[in-house]
N, C-alpha and C. Protein backbone atom coordinates (compact mmCIF):
# COMPACT_ATOMS: atom_id res chain seq x y z
N MET A 1 -7.01 47.58 97.83
CA MET A 1 -7.85 46.42 97.88
C MET A 1 -8.64 46.33 96.57
N ASN A 2 -8.76 45.15 96.04
CA ASN A 2 -9.54 44.93 94.82
C ASN A 2 -10.99 44.66 95.18
N VAL A 3 -11.90 45.17 94.35
CA VAL A 3 -13.33 44.94 94.54
C VAL A 3 -13.96 44.57 93.20
N ILE A 4 -15.15 43.95 93.26
CA ILE A 4 -15.94 43.70 92.07
C ILE A 4 -17.26 44.45 92.21
N SER A 5 -17.87 44.76 91.10
CA SER A 5 -19.07 45.58 91.09
C SER A 5 -20.21 44.84 90.39
N PHE A 6 -21.29 44.58 91.12
CA PHE A 6 -22.48 43.99 90.54
C PHE A 6 -23.48 45.11 90.25
N PHE A 7 -24.24 44.98 89.16
CA PHE A 7 -25.22 46.00 88.76
C PHE A 7 -24.52 47.36 88.63
N ALA A 8 -23.46 47.40 87.85
CA ALA A 8 -22.55 48.53 87.80
C ALA A 8 -23.12 49.79 87.16
N GLY A 9 -24.13 49.66 86.31
CA GLY A 9 -24.65 50.84 85.63
C GLY A 9 -23.54 51.49 84.81
N CYS A 10 -23.47 52.81 84.83
CA CYS A 10 -22.42 53.50 84.07
C CYS A 10 -21.16 53.70 84.91
N GLY A 11 -21.17 53.26 86.17
CA GLY A 11 -19.95 53.25 86.97
C GLY A 11 -19.80 54.35 88.00
N GLY A 12 -20.87 55.01 88.38
CA GLY A 12 -20.78 56.09 89.36
C GLY A 12 -20.29 55.60 90.73
N LEU A 13 -20.86 54.52 91.22
CA LEU A 13 -20.43 53.97 92.51
C LEU A 13 -18.99 53.48 92.43
N ASP A 14 -18.65 52.89 91.29
CA ASP A 14 -17.27 52.41 91.09
C ASP A 14 -16.28 53.57 91.12
N LEU A 15 -16.67 54.71 90.59
CA LEU A 15 -15.82 55.90 90.65
C LEU A 15 -15.57 56.30 92.11
N GLY A 16 -16.61 56.21 92.92
CA GLY A 16 -16.45 56.49 94.34
C GLY A 16 -15.48 55.54 95.01
N PHE A 17 -15.58 54.25 94.67
CA PHE A 17 -14.62 53.27 95.20
C PHE A 17 -13.20 53.62 94.80
N GLU A 18 -13.02 53.97 93.53
CA GLU A 18 -11.67 54.31 93.05
C GLU A 18 -11.12 55.55 93.76
N LYS A 19 -11.97 56.54 93.97
CA LYS A 19 -11.52 57.76 94.67
C LYS A 19 -11.19 57.48 96.14
N ALA A 20 -11.78 56.41 96.68
CA ALA A 20 -11.51 56.02 98.07
C ALA A 20 -10.29 55.09 98.17
N GLY A 21 -9.67 54.80 97.03
CA GLY A 21 -8.45 54.00 97.05
C GLY A 21 -8.62 52.54 96.70
N PHE A 22 -9.84 52.14 96.33
CA PHE A 22 -10.06 50.75 95.92
C PHE A 22 -9.78 50.61 94.43
N ARG A 23 -9.58 49.38 93.99
CA ARG A 23 -9.37 49.09 92.57
C ARG A 23 -10.49 48.17 92.11
N VAL A 24 -11.35 48.67 91.22
CA VAL A 24 -12.45 47.86 90.69
C VAL A 24 -11.87 47.03 89.55
N VAL A 25 -11.79 45.72 89.74
CA VAL A 25 -11.14 44.85 88.76
C VAL A 25 -12.14 44.15 87.84
N TRP A 26 -13.40 44.06 88.26
CA TRP A 26 -14.40 43.33 87.47
C TRP A 26 -15.76 43.93 87.76
N ALA A 27 -16.57 44.11 86.74
CA ALA A 27 -17.92 44.66 86.91
C ALA A 27 -18.91 43.86 86.07
N ASN A 28 -20.15 43.88 86.50
CA ASN A 28 -21.22 43.17 85.83
C ASN A 28 -22.37 44.13 85.56
N GLU A 29 -22.84 44.16 84.33
CA GLU A 29 -24.01 44.97 83.98
C GLU A 29 -24.73 44.30 82.82
N PHE A 30 -26.03 44.04 82.97
CA PHE A 30 -26.76 43.34 81.91
C PHE A 30 -27.46 44.28 80.95
N GLU A 31 -27.52 45.57 81.26
CA GLU A 31 -28.21 46.53 80.40
C GLU A 31 -27.28 47.01 79.28
N PRO A 32 -27.52 46.58 78.04
CA PRO A 32 -26.63 46.92 76.93
C PRO A 32 -26.49 48.42 76.67
N SER A 33 -27.50 49.21 77.03
CA SER A 33 -27.46 50.65 76.71
C SER A 33 -26.40 51.41 77.51
N VAL A 34 -25.84 50.81 78.56
CA VAL A 34 -24.83 51.51 79.36
C VAL A 34 -23.42 50.92 79.22
N HIS A 35 -23.28 49.85 78.45
CA HIS A 35 -21.96 49.20 78.32
C HIS A 35 -20.90 50.15 77.80
N ALA A 36 -21.19 50.88 76.74
CA ALA A 36 -20.18 51.78 76.15
C ALA A 36 -19.78 52.87 77.14
N THR A 37 -20.75 53.38 77.87
CA THR A 37 -20.45 54.43 78.86
C THR A 37 -19.55 53.88 79.95
N TYR A 38 -19.89 52.69 80.47
CA TYR A 38 -19.06 52.10 81.53
C TYR A 38 -17.63 51.87 81.03
N GLU A 39 -17.51 51.31 79.85
CA GLU A 39 -16.18 51.02 79.30
C GLU A 39 -15.36 52.29 79.09
N LYS A 40 -16.03 53.38 78.71
CA LYS A 40 -15.30 54.65 78.54
C LYS A 40 -14.87 55.22 79.88
N ASN A 41 -15.74 55.12 80.89
CA ASN A 41 -15.43 55.64 82.21
C ASN A 41 -14.42 54.78 82.98
N HIS A 42 -14.36 53.49 82.68
CA HIS A 42 -13.52 52.55 83.43
C HIS A 42 -12.77 51.61 82.47
N PRO A 43 -11.83 52.14 81.71
CA PRO A 43 -11.17 51.32 80.69
C PRO A 43 -10.31 50.19 81.25
N ASN A 44 -9.93 50.24 82.51
CA ASN A 44 -9.07 49.21 83.09
C ASN A 44 -9.84 48.14 83.86
N THR A 45 -11.17 48.20 83.79
CA THR A 45 -12.02 47.23 84.49
C THR A 45 -12.61 46.27 83.46
N ILE A 46 -12.60 44.99 83.80
CA ILE A 46 -13.24 43.98 82.95
C ILE A 46 -14.75 44.09 83.15
N LEU A 47 -15.49 44.30 82.08
CA LEU A 47 -16.95 44.41 82.16
C LEU A 47 -17.57 43.13 81.62
N CYS A 48 -18.30 42.44 82.48
CA CYS A 48 -19.02 41.23 82.08
C CYS A 48 -20.40 41.65 81.62
N LYS A 49 -20.72 41.34 80.40
CA LYS A 49 -22.01 41.72 79.81
C LYS A 49 -22.94 40.52 79.85
N VAL A 50 -23.66 40.38 80.94
CA VAL A 50 -24.51 39.23 81.19
C VAL A 50 -25.79 39.33 80.39
N ILE A 51 -26.18 38.24 79.78
CA ILE A 51 -27.45 38.15 79.07
C ILE A 51 -28.39 37.32 79.94
N VAL A 52 -29.55 37.88 80.24
CA VAL A 52 -30.52 37.20 81.09
C VAL A 52 -31.56 36.52 80.21
N ILE A 53 -31.79 35.24 80.47
CA ILE A 53 -32.81 34.48 79.74
C ILE A 53 -33.85 34.06 80.76
N SER A 54 -35.11 34.35 80.46
CA SER A 54 -36.16 33.99 81.41
C SER A 54 -36.37 32.48 81.42
N ARG A 55 -36.83 31.99 82.55
CA ARG A 55 -37.06 30.56 82.71
C ARG A 55 -38.10 30.07 81.69
N ASN A 56 -39.10 30.89 81.38
CA ASN A 56 -40.14 30.49 80.42
C ASN A 56 -39.54 30.21 79.05
N LYS A 57 -38.56 31.00 78.63
CA LYS A 57 -37.97 30.78 77.31
C LYS A 57 -37.13 29.51 77.29
N LEU A 58 -36.61 29.09 78.43
CA LEU A 58 -35.82 27.86 78.47
C LEU A 58 -36.71 26.62 78.36
N ASN A 59 -37.95 26.74 78.76
CA ASN A 59 -38.86 25.59 78.77
C ASN A 59 -39.59 25.39 77.45
N THR A 60 -39.38 26.30 76.47
CA THR A 60 -40.11 26.16 75.22
C THR A 60 -39.36 25.34 74.21
């Protein structure tokens, strides 16, 4: 079964899913400091690198 991962971090929970027989096909993580680690740990998963913009910055 395919799954997606929100707030993936460096991929520890995703590793658990993979060991349980799931396939993590897409992950989302907005913290840039963990992107390289996630990509190294899960090279076959698409990592979406979301940039968060606060509402206040949109109104200026």
